[in-house]
Amino acid sequence: MPRNTQNNVRDEGGVSLRNENTTNEGGNKKETLKKGPWTTQEDAILMEYVKKYGEGNWNSVHKNTGLARCGKSCRLRWANHLRPNLKKGAFSADEEKLMIELHAKLGNKWARMASQVL
């Protein structure tokens, strides 16, 4: 079955793109999805989508906005960079004390600990 191996296509900014003509072993064409760093325009599109539709169903972002990113990429971008209540930076003394107490109580259950810190 034909398979195009030229996957390393780059746009004018040098950002890697999947080649539109790429096919998988079944001969089906893959969608063109952008890889690499996010632009401020893409961030704005994703933030507007979440404001309008809420979090969840990340695979529909591409379909509803035309954003050339996969659902997983959109979910991770939102969760790790764009979420309004996201705290970045060092822990306060109180937060550090709470984390030590929770670790003593729960062990390495970091997701459960994080849900109690928020």
C-alpha atoms as a PDB file:
ATOM      1  CA  MET A   1       0.000   0.000   0.000  1.00  0.00           C
ATOM      2  CA  PRO A   2       1.319   3.475  -0.800  1.00  0.00           C
ATOM      3  CA  ARG A   3       2.841   5.426   2.026  1.00  0.00           C
ATOM      4  CA  ASN A   4       4.241   8.910   1.798  1.00  0.00           C
ATOM      5  CA  THR A   5       7.206   9.267   4.124  1.00  0.00           C
ATOM      6  CA  GLN A   6       7.601  13.045   3.772  1.00  0.00           C
ATOM      7  CA  ASN A   7       6.082  13.948   7.133  1.00  0.00           C
ATOM      8  CA  ASN A   8       8.584  16.653   8.016  1.00  0.00           C
ATOM      9  CA  VAL A   9       6.867  19.566   6.247  1.00  0.00           C
ATOM     10  CA  ARG A  10       7.392  23.040   7.741  1.00  0.00           C
ATOM     11  CA  ASP A  11       5.429  26.273   7.361  1.00  0.00           C
ATOM     12  CA  GLU A  12       7.046  29.663   6.729  1.00  0.00           C
ATOM     13  CA  GLY A  13       7.737  30.023  10.466  1.00  0.00           C
ATOM     14  CA  GLY A  14       9.587  26.699  10.544  1.00  0.00           C
ATOM     15  CA  VAL A  15       6.807  24.952  12.483  1.00  0.00           C
ATOM     16  CA  SER A  16       6.445  21.288  11.584  1.00  0.00           C
ATOM     17  CA  LEU A  17       3.223  20.283   9.844  1.00  0.00           C
ATOM     18  CA  ARG A  18       1.980  16.868   8.814  1.00  0.00           C
ATOM     19  CA  ASN A  19       1.889  16.484   5.077  1.00  0.00           C
ATOM     20  CA  GLU A  20      -1.671  16.568   3.670  1.00  0.00           C
ATOM     21  CA  ASN A  21      -0.833  13.650   1.384  1.00  0.00           C
ATOM     22  CA  THR A  22       0.334  11.336   4.141  1.00  0.00           C
ATOM     23  CA  THR A  23      -1.422   7.990   4.176  1.00  0.00           C
ATOM     24  CA  ASN A  24      -1.404   5.233   6.731  1.00  0.00           C
ATOM     25  CA  GLU A  25      -0.968   1.508   6.056  1.00  0.00           C
ATOM     26  CA  GLY A  26      -4.690   1.189   5.263  1.00  0.00           C
ATOM     27  CA  GLY A  27      -4.365   3.772   2.497  1.00  0.00           C
ATOM     28  CA  ASN A  28      -6.494   6.309   4.381  1.00  0.00           C
ATOM     29  CA  LYS A  29      -5.437   9.946   4.315  1.00  0.00           C
ATOM     30  CA  LYS A  30      -4.555  11.606   7.621  1.00  0.00           C
ATOM     31  CA  GLU A  31      -5.745  15.117   8.439  1.00  0.00           C
ATOM     32  CA  THR A  32      -3.239  17.952   8.407  1.00  0.00           C
ATOM     33  CA  LEU A  33      -2.396  18.807  12.007  1.00  0.00           C
ATOM     34  CA  LYS A  34       0.043  21.415  13.183  1.00  0.00           C
ATOM     35  CA  LYS A  35       2.858  20.481  15.534  1.00  0.00           C
ATOM     36  CA  GLY A  36       5.232  22.626  17.512  1.00  0.00           C
ATOM     37  CA  PRO A  37       4.831  25.794  19.554  1.00  0.00           C
ATOM     38  CA  TRP A  38       1.415  27.395  19.888  1.00  0.00           C
ATOM     39  CA  THR A  39       0.852  30.911  18.561  1.00  0.00           C
ATOM     40  CA  THR A  40      -1.041  33.643  20.396  1.00  0.00           C
ATOM     41  CA  GLN A  41      -3.708  33.434  17.682  1.00  0.00           C
ATOM     42  CA  GLU A  42      -4.202  29.706  18.344  1.00  0.00           C
ATOM     43  CA  ASP A  43      -4.374  30.385  22.094  1.00  0.00           C
ATOM     44  CA  ALA A  44      -7.081  33.012  21.485  1.00  0.00           C
ATOM     45  CA  ILE A  45      -9.102  30.582  19.337  1.00  0.00           C
ATOM     46  CA  LEU A  46      -8.890  27.875  22.005  1.00  0.00           C
ATOM     47  CA  MET A  47      -9.781  30.281  24.825  1.00  0.00           C
ATOM     48  CA  GLU A  48     -12.806  31.561  22.879  1.00  0.00           C
ATOM     49  CA  TYR A  49     -13.933  27.972  22.198  1.00  0.00           C
ATOM     50  CA  VAL A  50     -13.712  27.031  25.885  1.00  0.00           C
ATOM     51  CA  LYS A  51     -15.509  30.242  26.884  1.00  0.00           C
ATOM     52  CA  LYS A  52     -18.342  29.415  24.489  1.00  0.00           C
ATOM     53  CA  TYR A  53     -18.633  25.606  24.889  1.00  0.00           C
ATOM     54  CA  GLY A  54     -16.847  24.844  28.163  1.00  0.00           C
ATOM     55  CA  GLU A  55     -14.172  22.255  28.880  1.00  0.00           C
ATOM     56  CA  GLY A  56     -14.464  18.750  27.480  1.00  0.00           C
ATOM     57  CA  ASN A  57     -14.980  17.060  24.119  1.00  0.00           C
ATOM     58  CA  TRP A  58     -11.580  18.295  23.006  1.00  0.00           C
ATOM     59  CA  ASN A  59     -11.715  16.407  19.715  1.00  0.00           C
ATOM     60  CA  SER A  60     -14.505  18.714  18.551  1.00  0.00           C
ATOM     61  CA  VAL A  61     -12.253  21.800  18.793  1.00  0.00           C
ATOM     62  CA  HIS A  62     -10.660  21.081  15.419  1.00  0.00           C
ATOM     63  CA  LYS A  63     -14.026  20.470  13.777  1.00  0.00           C
ATOM     64  CA  ASN A  64     -15.778  23.526  15.259  1.00  0.00           C
ATOM     65  CA  THR A  65     -12.967  26.097  15.057  1.00  0.00           C
ATOM     66  CA  GLY A  66     -10.747  24.931  12.219  1.00  0.00           C
ATOM     67  CA  LEU A  67      -7.816  24.920  14.644  1.00  0.00           C
ATOM     68  CA  ALA A  68      -5.276  22.495  13.193  1.00  0.00           C
ATOM     69  CA  ARG A  69      -4.465  20.787  16.508  1.00  0.00           C
ATOM     70  CA  CYS A  70      -5.545  17.410  17.835  1.00  0.00           C
ATOM     71  CA  GLY A  71      -7.862  17.128  20.821  1.00  0.00           C
ATOM     72  CA  LYS A  72      -5.115  15.954  23.142  1.00  0.00           C
ATOM     73  CA  SER A  73      -2.950  18.938  22.262  1.00  0.00           C
ATOM     74  CA  CYS A  74      -5.873  21.311  22.920  1.00  0.00           C
ATOM     75  CA  ARG A  75      -6.677  19.667  26.260  1.00  0.00           C
ATOM     76  CA  LEU A  76      -3.068  19.839  27.431  1.00  0.00           C
ATOM     77  CA  ARG A  77      -2.652  23.441  26.267  1.00  0.00           C
ATOM     78  CA  TRP A  78      -5.756  24.438  28.211  1.00  0.00           C
ATOM     79  CA  ALA A  79      -4.908  22.471  31.347  1.00  0.00           C
ATOM     80  CA  ASN A  80      -1.228  23.437  31.559  1.00  0.00           C
ATOM     81  CA  HIS A  81      -1.091  26.964  30.126  1.00  0.00           C
ATOM     82  CA  LEU A  82      -4.401  28.746  29.512  1.00  0.00           C
ATOM     83  CA  ARG A  83      -6.750  27.761  32.332  1.00  0.00           C
ATOM     84  CA  PRO A  84      -7.692  30.978  34.213  1.00  0.00           C
ATOM     85  CA  ASN A  85      -7.351  29.465  37.702  1.00  0.00           C
ATOM     86  CA  LEU A  86      -3.941  27.928  36.928  1.00  0.00           C
ATOM     87  CA  LYS A  87      -1.356  28.840  39.544  1.00  0.00           C
ATOM     88  CA  LYS A  88       2.247  29.123  38.446  1.00  0.00           C
ATOM     89  CA  GLY A  89       5.276  29.802  40.555  1.00  0.00           C
ATOM     90  CA  ALA A  90       6.555  28.682  43.906  1.00  0.00           C
ATOM     91  CA  PHE A  91       4.366  27.246  46.649  1.00  0.00           C
ATOM     92  CA  SER A  92       3.578  29.491  49.600  1.00  0.00           C
ATOM     93  CA  ALA A  93       4.653  28.331  53.074  1.00  0.00           C
ATOM     94  CA  ASP A  94       1.060  27.308  53.871  1.00  0.00           C
ATOM     95  CA  GLU A  95       0.723  25.374  50.600  1.00  0.00           C
ATOM     96  CA  GLU A  96       4.006  23.589  51.204  1.00  0.00           C
ATOM     97  CA  LYS A  97       2.918  22.620  54.723  1.00  0.00           C
ATOM     98  CA  LEU A  98      -0.414  21.338  53.362  1.00  0.00           C
ATOM     99  CA  MET A  99       1.371  19.256  50.690  1.00  0.00           C
ATOM    100  CA  ILE A 100       3.625  17.670  53.318  1.00  0.00           C
ATOM    101  CA  GLU A 101       0.596  16.809  55.469  1.00  0.00           C
ATOM    102  CA  LEU A 102      -1.332  15.401  52.506  1.00  0.00           C
ATOM    103  CA  HIS A 103       1.668  13.357  51.390  1.00  0.00           C
ATOM    104  CA  ALA A 104       1.983  11.875  54.859  1.00  0.00           C
ATOM    105  CA  LYS A 105      -1.738  11.038  54.792  1.00  0.00           C
ATOM    106  CA  LEU A 106      -2.183   9.915  51.154  1.00  0.00           C
ATOM    107  CA  GLY A 107       1.274   8.875  50.011  1.00  0.00           C
ATOM    108  CA  ASN A 108       2.110   9.451  46.326  1.00  0.00           C
ATOM    109  CA  LYS A 109      -1.492  10.069  45.253  1.00  0.00           C
ATOM    110  CA  TRP A 110      -0.627  13.401  43.619  1.00  0.00           C
ATOM    111  CA  ALA A 111      -3.899  13.888  41.733  1.00  0.00           C
ATOM    112  CA  ARG A 112      -5.916  13.418  44.936  1.00  0.00           C
ATOM    113  CA  MET A 113      -3.594  15.800  46.755  1.00  0.00           C
ATOM    114  CA  ALA A 114      -3.927  18.413  43.998  1.00  0.00           C
ATOM    115  CA  SER A 115      -7.736  18.240  44.140  1.00  0.00           C
ATOM    116  CA  GLN A 116      -7.585  19.122  47.850  1.00  0.00           C
ATOM    117  CA  VAL A 117      -5.163  22.008  47.304  1.00  0.00           C
ATOM    118  CA  LEU A 118      -7.357  23.739  44.710  1.00  0.00           C
END
